[in-house]
Protein backbone atom coordinates (compact mmCIF):
# COMPACT_ATOMS: atom_id res chain seq x y z
CA UNK A 1 -77.74 12.31 145.30
CA UNK A 2 -80.75 13.80 143.52
CA UNK A 3 -84.05 12.01 144.00
CA UNK A 4 -86.42 11.67 141.09
CA UNK A 5 -90.16 11.83 141.59
CA UNK A 6 -93.29 12.83 139.73
CA UNK A 7 -95.23 15.86 140.87
CA UNK A 8 -98.97 15.22 141.16
CA UNK A 9 -101.30 17.40 139.13
CA UNK A 10 -103.85 19.22 141.26
CA UNK A 11 -101.59 19.43 144.33
CA UNK A 12 -100.20 22.53 146.02
CA UNK A 13 -96.43 22.77 146.50
CA UNK A 14 -94.01 24.89 148.51
CA UNK A 15 -90.31 24.73 149.46
CA UNK A 16 -88.95 24.98 152.98
CA UNK A 17 -85.26 25.81 153.32
CA UNK A 18 -83.47 24.61 156.41
CA UNK A 19 -79.77 25.36 156.41
CA UNK A 20 -78.36 24.08 153.14
CA UNK A 21 -81.26 21.68 152.44
CA UNK A 22 -84.48 22.53 150.61
CA UNK A 23 -87.53 20.35 151.21
CA UNK A 24 -90.42 20.22 148.74
CA UNK A 25 -93.77 19.81 150.51
CA UNK A 26 -97.15 19.17 148.92
CA UNK A 27 -100.74 19.18 150.12
CA UNK A 28 -103.90 18.08 148.31
CA UNK A 29 -106.14 20.91 149.53
CA UNK A 30 -105.33 24.61 149.20
CA UNK A 31 -106.49 25.35 152.75
CA UNK A 32 -104.15 22.68 154.15
CA UNK A 33 -101.25 23.96 152.04
CA UNK A 34 -101.76 27.57 153.13
CA UNK A 35 -102.06 26.55 156.80
CA UNK A 36 -98.84 24.49 156.61
CA UNK A 37 -96.98 27.19 154.68
CA UNK A 38 -97.93 29.90 157.19
CA UNK A 39 -97.03 27.69 160.17
CA UNK A 40 -93.52 27.17 158.75
CA UNK A 41 -93.23 30.95 158.18
CA UNK A 42 -94.44 31.63 161.75
CA UNK A 43 -91.63 29.53 163.27
CA UNK A 44 -89.04 31.37 161.17
CA UNK A 45 -88.39 28.98 158.30
CA UNK A 46 -87.48 30.36 154.88
CA UNK A 47 -90.37 29.26 152.65
CA UNK A 48 -91.14 29.70 148.96
CA UNK A 49 -94.71 29.20 147.71
CA UNK A 50 -94.79 27.42 144.34
CA UNK A 51 -98.54 27.04 143.88
CA UNK A 52 -100.87 24.56 142.22
CA UNK A 53 -99.18 22.11 139.84
CA UNK A 54 -101.32 21.56 136.72
CA UNK A 55 -99.08 18.90 135.16
CA UNK A 56 -97.04 21.34 133.06
CA UNK A 57 -96.47 24.36 135.31
CA UNK A 58 -97.56 26.16 138.44
CA UNK A 59 -100.76 28.20 138.83
CA UNK A 60 -101.89 30.32 141.78
CA UNK A 61 -98.29 31.33 142.41
CA UNK A 62 -98.86 34.38 144.60
CA UNK A 63 -97.63 33.68 148.11
CA UNK A 64 -100.40 33.39 150.73
CA UNK A 65 -100.44 35.99 153.48
CA UNK A 66 -101.77 35.87 157.02
CA UNK A 67 -105.55 36.02 157.23
């Protein structure tokens, strides 16, 4: 069953794949999103950075790297 939802403009999004499931995660602040994204990567999860949703498409799509 596919769930329908509205993506919030001004939020940062990334996908985390776990087995056959893909989970879409969002954070309001870029710093929080990067920290969460890198923590999932650190524990070995397959993650895809989507970026900042502007209401029509993603911006800031380059994947964050370790600081």
